[in-house]
PDB file of N, CA and C in Angstrom:
ATOM      1  N   GLU A   1      52.341 122.438 -33.116  1.00  0.00           N
ATOM      2  CA  GLU A   1      53.096 123.260 -31.462  1.00  0.00           C
ATOM      3  C   GLU A   1      52.831 125.210 -30.996  1.00  0.00           C
ATOM      4  N   LEU A   2      53.174 125.636 -32.357  1.00  0.00           N
ATOM      5  CA  LEU A   2      53.086 127.430 -31.979  1.00  0.00           C
ATOM      6  C   LEU A   2      51.357 127.517 -31.866  1.00  0.00           C
ATOM      7  N   ILE A   3      50.281 127.096 -32.629  1.00  0.00           N
ATOM      8  CA  ILE A   3      48.942 126.705 -32.660  1.00  0.00           C
ATOM      9  C   ILE A   3      48.355 126.432 -32.029  1.00  0.00           C
ATOM     10  N   ARG A   4      47.477 126.194 -30.623  1.00  0.00           N
ATOM     11  CA  ARG A   4      46.522 126.001 -30.223  1.00  0.00           C
ATOM     12  C   ARG A   4      45.470 125.748 -30.403  1.00  0.00           C
ATOM     13  N   GLU A   5      44.378 125.171 -30.881  1.00  0.00           N
ATOM     14  CA  GLU A   5      43.395 124.710 -31.863  1.00  0.00           C
ATOM     15  C   GLU A   5      42.160 125.650 -30.731  1.00  0.00           C
ATOM     16  N   LYS A   6      41.988 126.740 -31.153  1.00  0.00           N
ATOM     17  CA  LYS A   6      40.656 126.979 -30.655  1.00  0.00           C
ATOM     18  C   LYS A   6      41.281 128.243 -29.867  1.00  0.00           C
ATOM     19  N   GLU A   7      42.496 128.492 -29.118  1.00  0.00           N
ATOM     20  CA  GLU A   7      43.096 129.438 -28.351  1.00  0.00           C
ATOM     21  C   GLU A   7      43.861 130.056 -29.525  1.00  0.00           C
ATOM     22  N   ASN A   8      44.304 130.261 -30.336  1.00  0.00           N
ATOM     23  CA  ASN A   8      45.217 131.158 -31.567  1.00  0.00           C
ATOM     24  C   ASN A   8      45.037 130.917 -32.992  1.00  0.00           C
ATOM     25  N   GLY A   9      44.125 130.227 -33.232  1.00  0.00           N
ATOM     26  CA  GLY A   9      43.951 129.265 -34.263  1.00  0.00           C
ATOM     27  C   GLY A   9      42.982 128.418 -34.393  1.00  0.00           C
ATOM     28  N   LEU A  10      43.312 127.677 -35.363  1.00  0.00           N
ATOM     29  CA  LEU A  10      42.615 126.242 -36.337  1.00  0.00           C
ATOM     30  C   LEU A  10      43.590 125.501 -37.371  1.00  0.00           C
ATOM     31  N   VAL A  11      43.338 124.795 -36.738  1.00  0.00           N
ATOM     32  CA  VAL A  11      44.513 123.225 -37.417  1.00  0.00           C
ATOM     33  C   VAL A  11      43.472 122.074 -38.275  1.00  0.00           C
ATOM     34  N   CYS A  12      43.723 122.239 -39.385  1.00  0.00           N
ATOM     35  CA  CYS A  12      43.410 121.144 -40.328  1.00  0.00           C
ATOM     36  C   CYS A  12      44.452 120.641 -40.934  1.00  0.00           C
ATOM     37  N   ARG A  13      44.122 119.393 -41.405  1.00  0.00           N
ATOM     38  CA  ARG A  13      45.222 117.827 -41.548  1.00  0.00           C
ATOM     39  C   ARG A  13      45.427 118.634 -43.355  1.00  0.00           C
ATOM     40  N   ALA A  14      46.392 118.303 -43.189  1.00  0.00           N
ATOM     41  CA  ALA A  14      46.471 118.853 -44.681  1.00  0.00           C
ATOM     42  C   ALA A  14      46.304 117.705 -45.475  1.00  0.00           C
ATOM     43  N   GLY A  15      45.547 118.792 -46.954  1.00  0.00           N
ATOM     44  CA  GLY A  15      44.944 118.144 -47.972  1.00  0.00           C
ATOM     45  C   GLY A  15      43.929 117.207 -47.639  1.00  0.00           C
ATOM     46  N   ASP A  16      43.058 117.650 -46.215  1.00  0.00           N
ATOM     47  CA  ASP A  16      42.049 116.940 -46.195  1.00  0.00           C
ATOM     48  C   ASP A  16      40.867 117.386 -46.275  1.00  0.00           C
ATOM     49  N   ALA A  17      39.658 117.680 -47.335  1.00  0.00           N
ATOM     50  CA  ALA A  17      38.630 118.128 -46.922  1.00  0.00           C
ATOM     51  C   ALA A  17      37.981 118.842 -46.254  1.00  0.00           C
ATOM     52  N   GLU A  18      37.657 117.526 -46.066  1.00  0.00           N
ATOM     53  CA  GLU A  18      36.534 117.042 -44.747  1.00  0.00           C
ATOM     54  C   GLU A  18      37.303 118.103 -43.238  1.00  0.00           C
ATOM     55  N   SER A  19      38.197 117.831 -42.928  1.00  0.00           N
ATOM     56  CA  SER A  19      39.035 118.566 -41.897  1.00  0.00           C
ATOM     57  C   SER A  19      38.535 120.303 -42.017  1.00  0.00           C
ATOM     58  N   LEU A  20      38.785 120.727 -43.192  1.00  0.00           N
ATOM     59  CA  LEU A  20      38.590 122.332 -43.167  1.00  0.00           C
ATOM     60  C   LEU A  20      36.730 122.400 -43.569  1.00  0.00           C
ATOM     61  N   ALA A  21      36.627 121.473 -44.147  1.00  0.00           N
ATOM     62  CA  ALA A  21      35.013 121.478 -43.862  1.00  0.00           C
ATOM     63  C   ALA A  21      34.741 122.467 -42.699  1.00  0.00           C
ATOM     64  N   GLU A  22      35.663 121.376 -41.355  1.00  0.00           N
ATOM     65  CA  GLU A  22      34.532 121.152 -40.425  1.00  0.00           C
ATOM     66  C   GLU A  22      35.193 122.943 -39.645  1.00  0.00           C
ATOM     67  N   ALA A  23      36.368 123.046 -39.358  1.00  0.00           N
ATOM     68  CA  ALA A  23      37.251 124.368 -38.886  1.00  0.00           C
ATOM     69  C   ALA A  23      36.033 125.228 -39.716  1.00  0.00           C
ATOM     70  N   MET A  24      35.557 125.267 -41.144  1.00  0.00           N
ATOM     71  CA  MET A  24      34.845 126.154 -41.370  1.00  0.00           C
ATOM     72  C   MET A  24      33.652 126.412 -41.162  1.00  0.00           C
ATOM     73  N   GLU A  25      33.334 125.405 -40.588  1.00  0.00           N
ATOM     74  CA  GLU A  25      31.544 125.520 -40.039  1.00  0.00           C
ATOM     75  C   GLU A  25      31.797 125.686 -38.715  1.00  0.00           C
ATOM     76  N   TRP A  26      32.646 125.670 -38.073  1.00  0.00           N
ATOM     77  CA  TRP A  26      33.339 126.318 -36.500  1.00  0.00           C
ATOM     78  C   TRP A  26      33.692 127.138 -36.403  1.00  0.00           C
ATOM     79  N   VAL A  27      33.936 128.142 -37.642  1.00  0.00           N
ATOM     80  CA  VAL A  27      33.824 129.365 -36.988  1.00  0.00           C
ATOM     81  C   VAL A  27      32.814 130.087 -37.989  1.00  0.00           C
ATOM     82  N   LEU A  28      31.915 129.698 -38.697  1.00  0.00           N
ATOM     83  CA  LEU A  28      30.195 129.912 -39.032  1.00  0.00           C
ATOM     84  C   LEU A  28      29.734 130.482 -37.387  1.00  0.00           C
ATOM     85  N   THR A  29      29.574 128.575 -36.579  1.00  0.00           N
ATOM     86  CA  THR A  29      28.747 128.569 -35.403  1.00  0.00           C
ATOM     87  C   THR A  29      29.401 129.330 -34.281  1.00  0.00           C
ATOM     88  N   HIS A  30      30.461 129.428 -34.794  1.00  0.00           N
ATOM     89  CA  HIS A  30      31.143 130.246 -33.114  1.00  0.00           C
ATOM     90  C   HIS A  30      31.822 131.704 -33.418  1.00  0.00           C
ATOM     91  N   ARG A  31      31.354 132.279 -33.928  1.00  0.00           N
ATOM     92  CA  ARG A  31      31.826 134.022 -34.599  1.00  0.00           C
ATOM     93  C   ARG A  31      32.084 134.392 -33.177  1.00  0.00           C
ATOM     94  N   GLU A  32      31.148 134.374 -32.438  1.00  0.00           N
ATOM     95  CA  GLU A  32      31.896 135.356 -31.355  1.00  0.00           C
ATOM     96  C   GLU A  32      33.547 134.859 -30.594  1.00  0.00           C
ATOM     97  N   ALA A  33      34.008 133.718 -31.242  1.00  0.00           N
ATOM     98  CA  ALA A  33      35.090 133.519 -30.194  1.00  0.00           C
ATOM     99  C   ALA A  33      36.282 133.567 -31.431  1.00  0.00           C
ATOM    100  N   CYS A  34      36.384 134.239 -33.004  1.00  0.00           N
ATOM    101  CA  CYS A  34      36.989 134.417 -33.711  1.00  0.00           C
ATOM    102  C   CYS A  34      37.825 135.083 -33.609  1.00  0.00           C
ATOM    103  N   GLY A  35      37.061 136.845 -32.825  1.00  0.00           N
ATOM    104  CA  GLY A  35      37.704 138.127 -32.018  1.00  0.00           C
ATOM    105  C   GLY A  35      39.146 137.503 -31.668  1.00  0.00           C
ATOM    106  N   ARG A  36      38.326 137.002 -30.412  1.00  0.00           N
ATOM    107  CA  ARG A  36      39.565 136.212 -29.684  1.00  0.00           C
ATOM    108  C   ARG A  36      40.790 135.506 -30.000  1.00  0.00           C
ATOM    109  N   ILE A  37      40.077 134.691 -31.002  1.00  0.00           N
ATOM    110  CA  ILE A  37      41.441 133.452 -31.287  1.00  0.00           C
ATOM    111  C   ILE A  37      41.890 134.922 -32.904  1.00  0.00           C
ATOM    112  N   GLY A  38      41.540 135.756 -32.863  1.00  0.00           N
ATOM    113  CA  GLY A  38      42.527 136.309 -34.116  1.00  0.00           C
ATOM    114  C   GLY A  38      43.530 137.455 -33.177  1.00  0.00           C
ATOM    115  N   ARG A  39      42.997 137.884 -31.737  1.00  0.00           N
ATOM    116  CA  ARG A  39      43.601 138.627 -30.970  1.00  0.00           C
ATOM    117  C   ARG A  39      45.005 138.014 -30.766  1.00  0.00           C
ATOM    118  N   GLU A  40      44.730 136.647 -30.341  1.00  0.00           N
ATOM    119  CA  GLU A  40      45.919 135.920 -29.444  1.00  0.00           C
ATOM    120  C   GLU A  40      46.899 135.173 -30.812  1.00  0.00           C
ATOM    121  N   ALA A  41      46.235 135.210 -32.372  1.00  0.00           N
ATOM    122  CA  ALA A  41      47.186 134.754 -32.982  1.00  0.00           C
ATOM    123  C   ALA A  41      48.199 135.651 -33.550  1.00  0.00           C
ATOM    124  N   ARG A  42      47.414 137.239 -33.653  1.00  0.00           N
ATOM    125  CA  ARG A  42      48.668 138.558 -33.416  1.00  0.00           C
ATOM    126  C   ARG A  42      49.213 138.280 -32.382  1.00  0.00           C
ATOM    127  N   LYS A  43      49.291 137.759 -31.461  1.00  0.00           N
ATOM    128  CA  LYS A  43      50.159 137.775 -30.877  1.00  0.00           C
ATOM    129  C   LYS A  43      51.540 137.035 -30.549  1.00  0.00           C
ATOM    130  N   THR A  44      51.063 135.485 -31.067  1.00  0.00           N
ATOM    131  CA  THR A  44      51.591 135.012 -31.650  1.00  0.00           C
ATOM    132  C   THR A  44      53.037 134.954 -32.677  1.00  0.00           C
ATOM    133  N   TYR A  45      51.891 136.032 -33.508  1.00  0.00           N
ATOM    134  CA  TYR A  45      52.797 135.999 -34.597  1.00  0.00           C
ATOM    135  C   TYR A  45      53.913 137.256 -34.656  1.00  0.00           C
ATOM    136  N   GLU A  46      53.147 138.109 -33.611  1.00  0.00           N
ATOM    137  CA  GLU A  46      54.319 139.289 -32.965  1.00  0.00           C
ATOM    138  C   GLU A  46      55.108 138.703 -32.344  1.00  0.00           C
ATOM    139  N   GLU A  47      55.117 137.450 -31.934  1.00  0.00           N
ATOM    140  CA  GLU A  47      55.937 137.288 -30.571  1.00  0.00           C
ATOM    141  C   GLU A  47      57.280 136.134 -31.525  1.00  0.00           C
ATOM    142  N   ILE A  48      56.652 135.728 -32.265  1.00  0.00           N
ATOM    143  CA  ILE A  48      57.731 134.461 -33.002  1.00  0.00           C
ATOM    144  C   ILE A  48      58.189 134.623 -35.124  1.00  0.00           C
ATOM    145  N   PHE A  49      56.390 135.276 -35.128  1.00  0.00           N
ATOM    146  CA  PHE A  49      57.493 135.483 -36.940  1.00  0.00           C
ATOM    147  C   PHE A  49      57.729 136.657 -37.206  1.00  0.00           C
ATOM    148  N   SER A  50      57.282 138.026 -36.340  1.00  0.00           N
ATOM    149  CA  SER A  50      57.618 139.386 -37.222  1.00  0.00           C
ATOM    150  C   SER A  50      58.987 139.487 -37.128  1.00  0.00           C
ATOM    151  N   MET A  51      59.499 140.478 -37.903  1.00  0.00           N
ATOM    152  CA  MET A  51      60.512 140.985 -38.518  1.00  0.00           C
ATOM    153  C   MET A  51      61.626 141.576 -36.980  1.00  0.00           C
ATOM    154  N   GLU A  52      60.791 141.997 -36.261  1.00  0.00           N
ATOM    155  CA  GLU A  52      61.636 142.145 -34.986  1.00  0.00           C
ATOM    156  C   GLU A  52      61.883 141.176 -34.393  1.00  0.00           C
ATOM    157  N   ALA A  53      60.537 139.999 -34.397  1.00  0.00           N
ATOM    158  CA  ALA A  53      61.545 139.032 -33.683  1.00  0.00           C
ATOM    159  C   ALA A  53      62.284 138.054 -34.228  1.00  0.00           C
ATOM    160  N   PHE A  54      62.475 138.210 -35.269  1.00  0.00           N
ATOM    161  CA  PHE A  54      63.391 137.757 -36.245  1.00  0.00           C
ATOM    162  C   PHE A  54      64.731 138.198 -35.851  1.00  0.00           C
ATOM    163  N   ARG A  55      65.026 139.494 -35.820  1.00  0.00           N
ATOM    164  CA  ARG A  55      65.939 140.247 -35.597  1.00  0.00           C
ATOM    165  C   ARG A  55      66.560 140.120 -33.961  1.00  0.00           C
ATOM    166  N   LYS A  56      65.692 140.095 -33.036  1.00  0.00           N
ATOM    167  CA  LYS A  56      66.166 139.781 -31.252  1.00  0.00           C
ATOM    168  C   LYS A  56      66.987 138.113 -31.668  1.00  0.00           C
ATOM    169  N   ARG A  57      66.409 137.307 -32.003  1.00  0.00           N
ATOM    170  CA  ARG A  57      66.895 135.944 -32.311  1.00  0.00           C
ATOM    171  C   ARG A  57      68.274 136.084 -32.882  1.00  0.00           C
ATOM    172  N   LEU A  58      68.116 136.514 -34.362  1.00  0.00           N
ATOM    173  CA  LEU A  58      69.139 136.982 -34.861  1.00  0.00           C
ATOM    174  C   LEU A  58      70.375 137.178 -34.024  1.00  0.00           C
ATOM    175  N   GLU A  59      69.822 138.630 -33.257  1.00  0.00           N
ATOM    176  CA  GLU A  59      70.991 139.104 -32.649  1.00  0.00           C
ATOM    177  C   GLU A  59      71.817 138.094 -30.702  1.00  0.00           C
ATOM    178  N   GLU A  60      70.349 137.789 -30.654  1.00  0.00           N
ATOM    179  CA  GLU A  60      71.092 136.984 -29.721  1.00  0.00           C
ATOM    180  C   GLU A  60      72.053 135.380 -29.875  1.00  0.00           C
ATOM    181  N   ALA A  61      71.799 134.872 -31.562  1.00  0.00           N
ATOM    182  CA  ALA A  61      72.149 133.825 -32.112  1.00  0.00           C
ATOM    183  C   ALA A  61      73.950 134.584 -32.001  1.00  0.00           C
ATOM    184  N   LEU A  62      73.771 135.122 -32.757  1.00  0.00           N
ATOM    185  CA  LEU A  62      74.958 136.194 -33.419  1.00  0.00           C
ATOM    186  C   LEU A  62      75.967 136.679 -31.489  1.00  0.00           C
ATOM    187  N   GLU A  63      75.242 136.984 -30.582  1.00  0.00           N
ATOM    188  CA  GLU A  63      75.979 137.073 -29.225  1.00  0.00           C
ATOM    189  C   GLU A  63      77.005 136.262 -28.723  1.00  0.00           C
ATOM    190  N   GLU A  64      75.723 134.917 -28.899  1.00  0.00           N
ATOM    191  CA  GLU A  64      75.960 133.764 -27.989  1.00  0.00           C
ATOM    192  C   GLU A  64      77.115 133.111 -28.622  1.00  0.00           C
ATOM    193  N   ALA A  65      77.024 133.390 -30.437  1.00  0.00           N
ATOM    194  CA  ALA A  65      78.266 132.831 -31.110  1.00  0.00           C
ATOM    195  C   ALA A  65      79.377 133.437 -31.055  1.00  0.00           C
ATOM    196  N   GLU A  66      79.159 134.727 -30.655  1.00  0.00           N
ATOM    197  CA  GLU A  66      80.389 135.873 -29.812  1.00  0.00           C
ATOM    198  C   GLU A  66      81.304 135.094 -29.273  1.00  0.00           C
ATOM    199  N   GLY A  67      80.143 134.852 -27.814  1.00  0.00           N
ATOM    200  CA  GLY A  67      80.818 134.598 -26.900  1.00  0.00           C
ATOM    201  C   GLY A  67      81.652 133.179 -26.714  1.00  0.00           C
ATOM    202  N   ASP A  68      81.063 131.923 -27.725  1.00  0.00           N
ATOM    203  CA  ASP A  68      81.396 131.175 -27.897  1.00  0.00           C
ATOM    204  C   ASP A  68      82.701 130.711 -28.091  1.00  0.00           C
ATOM    205  N   ARG A  69      83.461 131.907 -29.172  1.00  0.00           N
ATOM    206  CA  ARG A  69      84.317 132.413 -30.049  1.00  0.00           C
ATOM    207  C   ARG A  69      85.568 132.813 -28.831  1.00  0.00           C
ATOM    208  N   ALA A  70      84.793 133.711 -28.442  1.00  0.00           N
ATOM    209  CA  ALA A  70      85.735 134.438 -27.127  1.00  0.00           C
ATOM    210  C   ALA A  70      86.348 133.263 -26.447  1.00  0.00           C
ATOM    211  N   HIS A  71      85.436 132.191 -25.928  1.00  0.00           N
ATOM    212  CA  HIS A  71      85.864 131.029 -25.264  1.00  0.00           C
ATOM    213  C   HIS A  71      87.058 129.906 -25.526  1.00  0.00           C
ATOM    214  N   GLU A  72      87.455 130.059 -27.017  1.00  0.00           N
ATOM    215  CA  GLU A  72      87.870 129.518 -27.863  1.00  0.00           C
ATOM    216  C   GLU A  72      89.554 130.591 -27.931  1.00  0.00           C
ATOM    217  N   LEU A  73      89.186 131.366 -27.599  1.00  0.00           N
ATOM    218  CA  LEU A  73      90.832 132.007 -28.070  1.00  0.00           C
ATOM    219  C   LEU A  73      91.324 132.654 -26.638  1.00  0.00           C
TER     220      LEU A  73
END
């Protein structure tokens, strides 16, 4: 869901050596696209997986929980 094939990453089937080999071959034959994919992958990391993104989601969840609690009182 988060990784879009050849947009911000490559997807291989787990445990499937042929799938991995196909992805590796694609990288070797499409080197010019790898820089763009890498930049998009970094954006995905920053927006979803970084500590800053985690902090923001945690703060939002705590604020929501606090708001729900206030309504209960």
